[in-house]
Amino acid sequence: MSEPGRRTAQGAEYENVGSDYMEHRQLQGGAAGWVLLAGLGVAYVISGDFAGWHFGLAEGGWGGLLIATLLMATMYTAMVFGLAELSSTIPTAGGGYGFARRALGPLGGFATGTAILIEYAVAPAAIATFIGGYMDTLVGVGGPLVYLACYVVFIGIHLYGVGEALKLMFGITVVAVLALAAFIIGMIPQFEFANLFTIEATNAAGASSFLPFGFVGIWAAFPFAIWFFLAIEGVPLAAEETRDPSTDMPKGLIAGMAALLLFAVLVLFFGPGGAGSAAFTTDEMLAAPSVLPLAMEEAYGGGTALGTFVNIAGLAGLIASFFSIIFAYSRQTFALSRAGYLPRLLSVTGGRRTPWVALIVPGIIGFILASTGNGATLINIAVFGATISYVLMMLSHIVLRRREPDLERPYCTPGGVATSGVALVLAVLAVIATFIVDPTAAFIALGVYVLFLAYFLLYSRHHLVAQAPEEEFATIQKAESELAGN
């Protein structure tokens, strides 16, 4: 029998907590409309336009990266439509964890939430290393001192308040977009179609000037094509702080994705088309914290005033992504902790309704990871967590459509389960690609993931919180199903 105040369901045990528990775990509602949400989506991702994607040229050549980008753009677009539906239907701070919790049960919810947490806890550490390299290039100061300053300053801004943080984040993102626009405008006069195919063909199967590394190069370029869009899925984590999630979430997600698709096309064509694809595969380029200024130097044969602007303003792109993903990891940590999946202390909020413990603790872990200086490995660990979460979130969309067809859905995905099915298949291929490109990073991430799952199975599934919003959604659904069956 269950103890008083406890109940058992779906292999998990729930504890009823007092009202003061939830009072100390409240976020600030109504802080964001759809424009800020779209800006948040772009901010998550925009650093990927300045660095990271170009590694795909070294893996697949321009043609391989182009095909990989088209496939990943398809995956993300389909996924965003699915997430727009799920976030308007289940508007909680848990995001993907909340969707999977309802569709796949406590284990599925935790598995999704921790995959997202791996992505968002590690990605800022990788970006911090790029910021450090960027600052070292600009002013001669980089390394752990810069990493520490990034975490202290931007966590401090988030602690001050979500509304203020999102507005500042939006402003920084606008500067980053201006830097991208300046880069594109500057490269247009230097664009030559032949520059896209300057990487020499290898002896790989299917190799050509279009696919210099053959067919396998397409698959190897997947994780770097993902960098054009990685983290857009974090927008639903702001659901509890949004004015009207039923309308603002779909608008913000889709508008943000539309902007990212445009940026990906422009950067992928005019970057290699101006400087030459082979230029992006040199040791200097592969080690650079931001490749766009170097690409402009290559295209023009030296520095230009516009290139200097891109170099300085481009730092805003890295900062925007770092700043915004801190928001994401804090909300994912907060939601999992509030429901008892992670230690409950992590979800305590302060007087300004910010989850201060969930901001600081992952920040400390991120700083330690950044101090290793291995940004490339950290990127691939983040991509592993991301792709696992994509598989589980799209599976959740399909399961909820099948199991709960009458669930109130303020927004419905165009194409329904066919759309999320396309995203699911491509996400599975992306997971496999992470093991092809960087097996070490993939297995490190898998090991951490297994430890999380062991923690759930051995401990936290016996200490879940019944009053957490994501758990209440599932309880209501179960009660409605039982009522309908009687």
Protein backbone atom coordinates (compact mmCIF):
# COMPACT_ATOMS: atom_id res chain seq x y z
CA MET A 1 0.00 0.00 0.00
CA SER A 2 1.06 3.58 -0.57
CA GLU A 3 2.03 5.73 2.40
CA PRO A 4 -0.33 8.55 3.43
CA GLY A 5 0.12 11.53 1.15
CA ARG A 6 1.73 9.37 -1.51
CA ARG A 7 0.43 7.59 -4.57
CA THR A 8 1.91 5.26 -7.16
CA ALA A 9 1.31 5.53 -10.91
CA GLN A 10 3.15 4.34 -14.04
CA GLY A 11 5.98 2.87 -12.00
CA ALA A 12 6.61 6.12 -10.10
CA GLU A 13 5.74 7.32 -6.60
CA TYR A 14 4.26 10.77 -6.01
CA GLU A 15 4.31 12.88 -2.88
CA ASN A 16 1.73 15.56 -2.12
CA VAL A 17 3.56 18.71 -1.03
CA GLY A 18 2.30 21.77 0.84
CA SER A 19 1.27 25.02 -0.82
CA ASP A 20 4.50 26.71 0.29
CA TYR A 21 6.48 24.31 -1.91
CA MET A 22 4.96 25.71 -5.12
CA GLU A 23 4.94 29.28 -3.77
CA HIS A 24 8.74 29.15 -3.60
CA ARG A 25 8.88 27.82 -7.16
CA GLN A 26 7.00 30.40 -9.23
CA LEU A 27 8.20 32.07 -12.43
CA GLN A 28 7.28 35.57 -13.59
CA GLY A 29 4.27 35.27 -15.90
CA GLY A 30 3.48 37.55 -18.84
CA ALA A 31 7.06 38.61 -19.44
CA ALA A 32 7.24 37.73 -23.16
CA GLY A 33 5.13 38.12 -26.29
CA TRP A 34 5.69 36.42 -29.62
CA VAL A 35 8.24 38.98 -30.86
CA LEU A 36 10.51 38.38 -27.85
CA LEU A 37 9.99 34.64 -28.28
CA ALA A 38 11.06 34.84 -31.93
CA GLY A 39 14.08 36.86 -30.82
CA LEU A 40 14.83 34.23 -28.18
CA GLY A 41 14.71 31.52 -30.85
CA VAL A 42 17.13 33.42 -33.09
CA ALA A 43 19.38 34.25 -30.13
CA TYR A 44 19.68 30.57 -29.20
CA VAL A 45 21.03 29.72 -32.63
CA ILE A 46 22.73 32.74 -34.20
CA SER A 47 26.25 31.92 -32.98
CA GLY A 48 26.07 28.92 -35.32
CA ASP A 49 26.09 31.31 -38.28
CA PHE A 50 29.39 32.80 -37.11
CA ALA A 51 31.22 29.55 -36.34
CA GLY A 52 30.65 25.80 -36.20
CA TRP A 53 28.86 25.20 -39.52
CA HIS A 54 32.10 25.50 -41.50
CA PHE A 55 33.44 22.24 -40.03
CA GLY A 56 30.88 20.61 -42.32
CA LEU A 57 32.88 21.80 -45.34
CA ALA A 58 35.86 19.80 -44.09
CA GLU A 59 33.64 16.73 -43.64
CA GLY A 60 31.42 16.84 -46.72
CA GLY A 61 32.56 19.62 -49.00
CA TRP A 62 30.12 22.30 -50.13
CA GLY A 63 27.73 19.87 -51.79
CA GLY A 64 27.73 17.51 -48.82
CA LEU A 65 27.07 20.34 -46.41
CA LEU A 66 24.37 21.76 -48.69
CA ILE A 67 22.49 18.45 -48.83
CA ALA A 68 22.94 17.93 -45.08
CA THR A 69 21.66 21.46 -44.43
CA LEU A 70 18.60 20.90 -46.63
CA LEU A 71 17.81 17.69 -44.73
CA MET A 72 18.38 19.26 -41.32
CA ALA A 73 16.37 22.33 -42.33
CA THR A 74 13.55 19.97 -43.23
CA MET A 75 13.89 18.20 -39.88
CA TYR A 76 13.88 21.42 -37.88
CA THR A 77 11.03 23.00 -39.82
CA ALA A 78 8.88 19.91 -39.36
CA MET A 79 9.88 19.71 -35.70
CA VAL A 80 9.08 23.38 -35.09
CA PHE A 81 5.57 22.86 -36.45
CA GLY A 82 5.18 19.91 -34.06
CA LEU A 83 6.55 21.89 -31.12
CA ALA A 84 4.26 24.80 -31.93
CA GLU A 85 1.33 22.46 -31.41
CA LEU A 86 2.71 20.81 -28.30
CA SER A 87 3.75 24.07 -26.60
CA SER A 88 0.35 25.69 -27.19
CA THR A 89 -1.36 22.55 -25.85
CA ILE A 90 0.90 21.87 -22.83
CA PRO A 91 2.30 25.32 -21.91
CA THR A 92 4.69 24.57 -19.04
CA ALA A 93 8.31 25.47 -18.28
CA GLY A 94 9.23 21.82 -18.83
CA GLY A 95 9.09 22.16 -22.61
CA GLY A 96 10.05 18.83 -24.18
CA TYR A 97 10.00 17.09 -20.81
CA GLY A 98 6.38 18.15 -20.30
CA PHE A 99 5.34 16.93 -23.76
CA ALA A 100 7.05 13.57 -23.36
CA ARG A 101 5.83 13.19 -19.78
CA ARG A 102 2.24 13.21 -20.97
CA ALA A 103 2.86 11.01 -23.99
CA LEU A 104 5.50 8.57 -22.77
CA GLY A 105 5.14 8.55 -18.98
CA PRO A 106 7.61 9.57 -16.25
CA LEU A 107 10.60 7.70 -17.69
CA GLY A 108 9.99 9.12 -21.17
CA GLY A 109 9.59 12.60 -19.73
CA PHE A 110 12.79 12.37 -17.73
CA ALA A 111 14.71 10.87 -20.66
CA THR A 112 13.64 13.77 -22.87
CA GLY A 113 14.27 16.43 -20.24
CA THR A 114 17.76 15.21 -19.41
CA ALA A 115 18.71 14.95 -23.10
CA ILE A 116 17.70 18.60 -23.46
CA LEU A 117 19.58 19.46 -20.28
CA ILE A 118 22.78 17.84 -21.61
CA GLU A 119 22.42 19.97 -24.74
CA TYR A 120 21.79 23.22 -22.92
CA ALA A 121 24.27 22.75 -20.09
CA VAL A 122 27.12 21.91 -22.47
CA ALA A 123 26.40 24.29 -25.38
CA PRO A 124 27.16 27.49 -23.38
CA ALA A 125 30.47 25.97 -22.31
CA ALA A 126 31.38 25.42 -25.98
CA ILE A 127 30.28 28.95 -26.88
CA ALA A 128 32.29 30.35 -23.96
CA THR A 129 35.44 28.85 -25.47
CA PHE A 130 34.63 30.61 -28.75
CA ILE A 131 34.04 33.90 -26.92
CA GLY A 132 37.37 33.41 -25.13
CA GLY A 133 39.16 32.82 -28.43
CA TYR A 134 37.42 35.81 -29.95
CA MET A 135 38.42 38.10 -27.07
CA ASP A 136 41.99 36.82 -27.23
CA THR A 137 42.09 37.77 -30.91
CA LEU A 138 40.60 41.22 -30.31
CA VAL A 139 42.25 42.35 -27.07
CA GLY A 140 44.76 39.65 -26.14
CA VAL A 141 42.81 38.36 -23.11
CA GLY A 142 41.05 35.00 -23.25
CA GLY A 143 40.86 31.64 -21.52
CA PRO A 144 39.26 30.86 -18.13
CA LEU A 145 39.15 34.52 -17.07
CA VAL A 146 36.83 35.34 -19.98
CA TYR A 147 34.77 32.18 -19.42
CA LEU A 148 34.26 33.13 -15.78
CA ALA A 149 33.31 36.70 -16.69
CA CYS A 150 30.73 35.42 -19.20
CA TYR A 151 29.02 33.19 -16.66
CA VAL A 152 29.10 35.74 -13.82
CA VAL A 153 27.82 38.68 -15.90
CA PHE A 154 25.09 36.92 -17.82
CA ILE A 155 23.84 34.76 -14.98
CA GLY A 156 23.70 37.97 -12.94
CA ILE A 157 21.49 39.62 -15.57
CA HIS A 158 19.16 36.62 -15.57
CA LEU A 159 18.97 36.77 -11.77
CA TYR A 160 17.80 40.37 -12.03
CA GLY A 161 14.65 39.39 -13.92
CA VAL A 162 13.43 37.50 -16.96
CA GLY A 163 11.73 40.47 -18.64
CA GLU A 164 14.86 42.59 -18.47
CA ALA A 165 17.04 39.67 -19.59
CA LEU A 166 14.89 38.88 -22.63
CA LYS A 167 14.82 42.51 -23.74
CA LEU A 168 18.59 42.86 -23.44
CA MET A 169 19.01 39.54 -25.22
CA PHE A 170 16.80 40.83 -28.04
CA GLY A 171 18.96 43.94 -28.39
CA ILE A 172 22.18 41.91 -28.55
CA THR A 173 20.58 39.65 -31.16
CA VAL A 174 19.71 42.66 -33.34
CA VAL A 175 23.40 43.67 -33.33
CA ALA A 176 24.36 40.12 -34.33
CA VAL A 177 21.85 40.18 -37.20
CA LEU A 178 23.33 43.48 -38.40
CA ALA A 179 26.78 41.87 -38.39
CA LEU A 180 25.45 38.98 -40.49
CA ALA A 181 23.80 41.42 -42.91
CA ALA A 182 27.08 43.35 -43.24
CA PHE A 183 28.92 40.10 -44.00
CA ILE A 184 26.44 39.08 -46.70
CA ILE A 185 26.44 42.52 -48.33
CA GLY A 186 30.24 42.56 -48.27
CA MET A 187 30.55 39.11 -49.87
CA ILE A 188 28.04 39.62 -52.68
CA PRO A 189 30.54 41.45 -54.96
CA GLN A 190 33.10 38.67 -54.42
CA PHE A 191 30.70 35.79 -55.08
CA GLU A 192 31.67 33.32 -57.81
CA PHE A 193 29.83 30.05 -58.35
CA ALA A 194 33.11 28.21 -58.96
CA ASN A 195 34.33 29.16 -55.46
CA LEU A 196 31.83 26.74 -53.96
CA PHE A 197 33.72 23.77 -55.44
CA THR A 198 37.36 24.51 -54.63
CA ILE A 199 37.84 21.46 -52.38
CA GLU A 200 39.59 18.69 -54.31
CA ALA A 201 37.72 15.40 -54.75
CA THR A 202 38.98 12.38 -52.83
CA ASN A 203 38.80 8.68 -53.76
CA ALA A 204 35.67 8.13 -51.64
CA ALA A 205 32.64 6.46 -53.20
CA GLY A 206 30.62 9.01 -55.16
CA ALA A 207 33.31 11.70 -54.89
CA SER A 208 33.14 14.67 -57.27
CA SER A 209 33.76 18.40 -57.22
CA PHE A 210 30.25 18.74 -55.76
CA LEU A 211 30.78 15.93 -53.21
CA PRO A 212 34.57 15.86 -52.68
CA PHE A 213 34.27 13.40 -49.80
CA GLY A 214 31.67 11.23 -51.48
CA PHE A 215 28.27 10.16 -50.24
CA VAL A 216 29.48 9.49 -46.69
CA GLY A 217 30.43 13.16 -46.48
CA ILE A 218 26.75 14.11 -46.53
CA TRP A 219 26.11 12.11 -43.38
CA ALA A 220 29.32 13.33 -41.74
CA ALA A 221 28.17 16.93 -42.31
CA PHE A 222 24.87 16.40 -40.43
CA PRO A 223 26.05 17.60 -36.98
CA PHE A 224 27.48 20.79 -38.49
CA ALA A 225 24.39 21.50 -40.56
CA ILE A 226 22.51 21.19 -37.27
CA TRP A 227 24.59 24.10 -35.96
CA PHE A 228 22.55 26.43 -38.23
CA PHE A 229 19.43 25.58 -36.19
CA LEU A 230 20.55 24.01 -32.90
CA ALA A 231 18.51 25.11 -29.85
CA ILE A 232 15.46 26.68 -31.56
CA GLU A 233 13.55 23.94 -29.75
CA GLY A 234 14.24 25.75 -26.48
CA VAL A 235 11.59 28.42 -27.09
CA PRO A 236 8.81 26.35 -25.38
CA LEU A 237 10.81 26.50 -22.14
CA ALA A 238 9.54 30.09 -21.81
CA ALA A 239 5.87 28.98 -21.86
CA GLU A 240 5.08 29.84 -18.24
CA GLU A 241 6.57 33.32 -18.72
CA THR A 242 4.65 34.04 -21.94
CA ARG A 243 1.59 36.30 -22.10
CA ASP A 244 -0.57 33.95 -24.17
CA PRO A 245 1.17 30.62 -24.92
CA SER A 246 -1.69 29.37 -27.11
CA THR A 247 -0.97 32.03 -29.74
CA ASP A 248 2.43 33.50 -28.88
CA MET A 249 4.29 30.19 -28.84
CA PRO A 250 3.37 29.11 -32.41
CA LYS A 251 4.02 32.62 -33.76
CA GLY A 252 7.36 32.97 -31.99
CA LEU A 253 8.61 29.51 -32.95
CA ILE A 254 7.65 29.78 -36.62
CA ALA A 255 8.91 33.37 -37.02
CA GLY A 256 12.23 32.46 -35.39
CA MET A 257 12.63 29.40 -37.63
CA ALA A 258 11.86 31.43 -40.76
CA ALA A 259 14.65 33.88 -39.89
CA LEU A 260 17.11 31.04 -39.24
CA LEU A 261 16.33 29.39 -42.59
CA LEU A 262 17.08 32.67 -44.36
CA PHE A 263 20.36 33.15 -42.48
CA ALA A 264 21.47 29.57 -43.22
CA VAL A 265 20.91 29.97 -46.97
CA LEU A 266 22.71 33.31 -47.16
CA VAL A 267 25.73 32.27 -45.07
CA LEU A 268 26.12 28.89 -46.80
CA PHE A 269 26.10 30.45 -50.28
CA PHE A 270 27.90 33.76 -49.84
CA GLY A 271 30.53 32.63 -47.32
CA PRO A 272 32.13 29.85 -49.42
CA GLY A 273 31.01 31.56 -52.63
CA GLY A 274 33.05 34.64 -51.75
CA ALA A 275 36.11 33.17 -50.05
CA GLY A 276 36.14 29.69 -51.59
CA SER A 277 35.11 26.50 -49.81
CA ALA A 278 38.71 25.31 -49.43
CA ALA A 279 39.59 28.45 -47.45
CA PHE A 280 37.21 27.32 -44.69
CA THR A 281 39.07 24.02 -44.27
CA THR A 282 42.50 25.49 -43.44
CA ASP A 283 43.92 25.02 -39.94
CA GLU A 284 43.53 28.75 -39.28
CA MET A 285 39.84 28.72 -40.19
CA LEU A 286 39.09 25.50 -38.28
CA ALA A 287 40.69 26.94 -35.15
CA ALA A 288 39.07 30.38 -35.45
CA PRO A 289 36.37 31.42 -32.92
CA SER A 290 34.53 33.29 -35.71
CA VAL A 291 35.23 32.53 -39.36
CA LEU A 292 33.25 35.30 -41.05
CA PRO A 293 35.87 38.08 -40.64
CA LEU A 294 38.60 35.71 -41.88
CA ALA A 295 36.43 34.78 -44.86
CA MET A 296 36.09 38.45 -45.75
CA GLU A 297 39.87 38.88 -45.54
CA GLU A 298 40.31 35.90 -47.84
CA ALA A 299 37.78 37.26 -50.33
CA TYR A 300 39.26 40.77 -50.41
CA GLY A 301 42.92 39.84 -50.00
CA GLY A 302 43.21 41.74 -46.74
CA GLY A 303 41.29 43.66 -44.09
CA THR A 304 38.46 46.08 -44.85
CA ALA A 305 36.42 48.50 -42.76
CA LEU A 306 33.36 46.30 -43.24
CA GLY A 307 35.34 43.27 -42.16
CA THR A 308 36.40 45.08 -39.00
CA PHE A 309 32.76 45.84 -38.21
CA VAL A 310 31.81 42.18 -38.75
CA ASN A 311 34.72 41.15 -36.52
CA ILE A 312 33.66 43.39 -33.63
CA ALA A 313 29.88 43.16 -33.97
CA GLY A 314 30.12 39.42 -34.61
CA LEU A 315 30.98 38.95 -30.94
CA ALA A 316 27.31 39.80 -30.30
CA GLY A 317 26.32 36.58 -32.09
CA LEU A 318 28.30 34.44 -29.68
CA ILE A 319 27.08 36.43 -26.68
CA ALA A 320 23.44 36.23 -27.80
CA SER A 321 23.55 32.44 -27.96
CA PHE A 322 25.48 32.11 -24.70
CA PHE A 323 23.09 34.49 -22.93
CA SER A 324 19.93 32.83 -24.22
CA ILE A 325 20.97 29.22 -23.63
CA ILE A 326 21.64 30.09 -19.99
CA PHE A 327 17.92 30.92 -19.86
CA ALA A 328 17.14 27.54 -21.44
CA TYR A 329 19.22 25.38 -19.12
CA SER A 330 17.85 27.15 -16.08
CA ARG A 331 14.23 26.55 -17.09
CA GLN A 332 14.82 22.90 -17.96
CA THR A 333 16.64 22.34 -14.67
CA PHE A 334 13.90 24.23 -12.82
CA ALA A 335 11.08 22.15 -14.31
CA LEU A 336 12.74 18.79 -13.70
CA SER A 337 13.64 19.80 -10.15
CA ARG A 338 10.20 21.22 -9.33
CA ALA A 339 8.67 17.86 -10.26
CA GLY A 340 11.21 15.92 -8.18
CA TYR A 341 13.16 14.35 -11.06
CA LEU A 342 16.26 16.29 -9.98
CA PRO A 343 17.06 17.48 -6.42
CA ARG A 344 14.28 19.86 -5.36
CA LEU A 345 16.63 22.58 -4.17
CA LEU A 346 17.44 23.35 -7.83
CA SER A 347 13.95 24.77 -8.45
CA VAL A 348 13.84 27.38 -5.68
CA THR A 349 13.05 30.87 -7.02
CA GLY A 350 13.95 34.22 -5.48
CA GLY A 351 12.03 37.42 -4.88
CA ARG A 352 12.20 38.35 -8.60
CA ARG A 353 10.74 34.97 -9.58
CA THR A 354 13.97 33.73 -11.14
CA PRO A 355 15.25 30.17 -10.52
CA TRP A 356 18.53 31.27 -9.00
CA VAL A 357 19.83 27.85 -8.01
CA ALA A 358 19.03 26.45 -11.46
CA LEU A 359 20.98 29.33 -12.97
CA ILE A 360 24.06 29.04 -10.77
CA VAL A 361 24.67 25.28 -10.39
CA PRO A 362 24.71 24.37 -14.12
CA GLY A 363 26.73 27.56 -14.65
CA ILE A 364 29.46 26.26 -12.35
CA ILE A 365 29.47 22.94 -14.22
CA GLY A 366 29.58 24.81 -17.54
CA PHE A 367 32.54 26.91 -16.43
CA ILE A 368 34.45 23.77 -15.47
CA LEU A 369 33.70 22.23 -18.88
CA ALA A 370 34.67 25.42 -20.71
CA SER A 371 37.99 25.45 -18.85
CA THR A 372 38.97 22.28 -20.71
CA GLY A 373 39.13 24.51 -23.81
CA ASN A 374 37.80 21.73 -26.04
CA GLY A 375 34.99 23.56 -27.78
CA ALA A 376 34.65 21.13 -30.71
CA THR A 377 34.09 18.12 -28.41
CA LEU A 378 31.63 20.10 -26.30
CA ILE A 379 29.65 21.01 -29.44
CA ASN A 380 29.33 17.36 -30.41
CA ILE A 381 28.24 16.37 -26.89
CA ALA A 382 25.54 19.06 -27.08
CA VAL A 383 24.43 17.83 -30.51
CA PHE A 384 24.09 14.28 -29.17
CA GLY A 385 21.76 15.44 -26.39
CA ALA A 386 19.80 17.57 -28.84
CA THR A 387 19.20 14.80 -31.39
CA ILE A 388 18.09 12.31 -28.72
CA SER A 389 15.55 14.87 -27.49
CA TYR A 390 14.29 15.46 -31.05
CA VAL A 391 13.54 11.76 -31.46
CA LEU A 392 11.61 11.65 -28.19
CA MET A 393 9.70 14.91 -28.73
CA MET A 394 8.53 13.94 -32.21
CA LEU A 395 7.57 10.49 -30.93
CA SER A 396 5.56 12.29 -28.23
CA HIS A 397 3.74 14.34 -30.85
CA ILE A 398 2.77 11.20 -32.76
CA VAL A 399 1.67 9.34 -29.61
CA LEU A 400 -0.49 12.24 -28.37
CA ARG A 401 -2.12 12.61 -31.78
CA ARG A 402 -2.99 8.91 -31.78
CA ARG A 403 -3.89 8.51 -28.10
CA GLU A 404 -5.62 11.84 -27.47
CA PRO A 405 -7.15 13.00 -30.76
CA ASP A 406 -9.72 15.15 -28.92
CA LEU A 407 -7.16 17.04 -26.83
CA GLU A 408 -7.70 20.79 -27.20
CA ARG A 409 -5.01 22.04 -29.57
CA PRO A 410 -4.98 25.85 -30.08
CA TYR A 411 -2.54 25.28 -32.96
CA CYS A 412 -2.38 22.17 -35.16
CA THR A 413 0.70 21.01 -37.05
CA PRO A 414 0.29 21.22 -40.84
CA GLY A 415 0.35 17.64 -42.09
CA GLY A 416 -0.15 16.20 -38.61
CA VAL A 417 1.82 13.06 -37.76
CA ALA A 418 3.25 12.87 -41.29
CA THR A 419 5.15 16.09 -40.57
CA SER A 420 6.45 14.97 -37.18
CA GLY A 421 7.20 11.55 -38.70
CA VAL A 422 9.58 13.14 -41.21
CA ALA A 423 11.32 14.97 -38.36
CA LEU A 424 11.52 11.72 -36.36
CA VAL A 425 13.22 9.77 -39.15
CA LEU A 426 15.74 12.54 -39.84
CA ALA A 427 16.43 12.90 -36.10
CA VAL A 428 17.28 9.19 -35.86
CA LEU A 429 19.74 9.60 -38.74
CA ALA A 430 21.23 12.63 -36.98
CA VAL A 431 21.77 10.61 -33.77
CA ILE A 432 23.66 7.98 -35.76
CA ALA A 433 25.72 10.70 -37.47
CA THR A 434 27.03 11.92 -34.11
CA PHE A 435 28.75 8.55 -33.61
CA ILE A 436 30.27 8.71 -37.10
CA VAL A 437 31.72 12.22 -36.74
CA ASP A 438 32.98 12.14 -33.14
CA PRO A 439 32.57 8.75 -31.41
CA THR A 440 34.43 9.97 -28.33
CA ALA A 441 32.04 12.87 -27.73
CA ALA A 442 29.02 10.70 -28.49
CA PHE A 443 30.05 8.01 -26.01
CA ILE A 444 30.89 10.60 -23.33
CA ALA A 445 27.41 12.05 -23.76
CA LEU A 446 25.86 8.59 -23.76
CA GLY A 447 27.67 7.75 -20.52
CA VAL A 448 26.35 10.90 -18.82
CA TYR A 449 22.88 10.14 -20.15
CA VAL A 450 22.96 6.61 -18.73
CA LEU A 451 23.96 8.01 -15.32
CA PHE A 452 20.96 10.35 -15.40
CA LEU A 453 18.63 7.47 -16.25
CA ALA A 454 20.12 5.35 -13.46
CA TYR A 455 19.47 8.20 -11.01
CA PHE A 456 15.82 8.24 -12.07
CA LEU A 457 15.35 4.48 -11.87
CA LEU A 458 17.09 4.08 -8.53
CA TYR A 459 16.00 7.24 -6.72
CA SER A 460 13.99 10.08 -8.18
CA ARG A 461 11.06 8.04 -9.53
CA HIS A 462 10.24 7.31 -5.89
CA HIS A 463 10.19 11.02 -4.95
CA LEU A 464 8.15 12.85 -7.60
CA VAL A 465 5.92 15.84 -6.80
CA ALA A 466 2.22 15.44 -7.55
CA GLN A 467 1.51 19.18 -7.75
CA ALA A 468 4.09 19.98 -10.45
CA PRO A 469 2.23 21.32 -13.54
CA GLU A 470 3.59 18.67 -15.90
CA GLU A 471 2.52 15.91 -13.51
CA GLU A 472 -0.91 17.49 -13.00
CA PHE A 473 -1.47 17.51 -16.76
CA ALA A 474 -0.79 13.78 -16.82
CA THR A 475 -3.01 13.16 -13.76
CA ILE A 476 -5.92 15.02 -15.35
CA GLN A 477 -5.47 13.04 -18.57
CA LYS A 478 -5.47 9.75 -16.67
CA ALA A 479 -8.60 10.71 -14.75
CA GLU A 480 -10.37 11.75 -17.95
CA SER A 481 -9.44 8.46 -19.60
CA GLU A 482 -10.75 6.45 -16.64
CA LEU A 483 -13.97 8.48 -16.63
CA ALA A 484 -14.47 7.90 -20.34
CA GLY A 485 -13.93 4.17 -19.83
CA ASN A 486 -16.70 3.92 -17.22
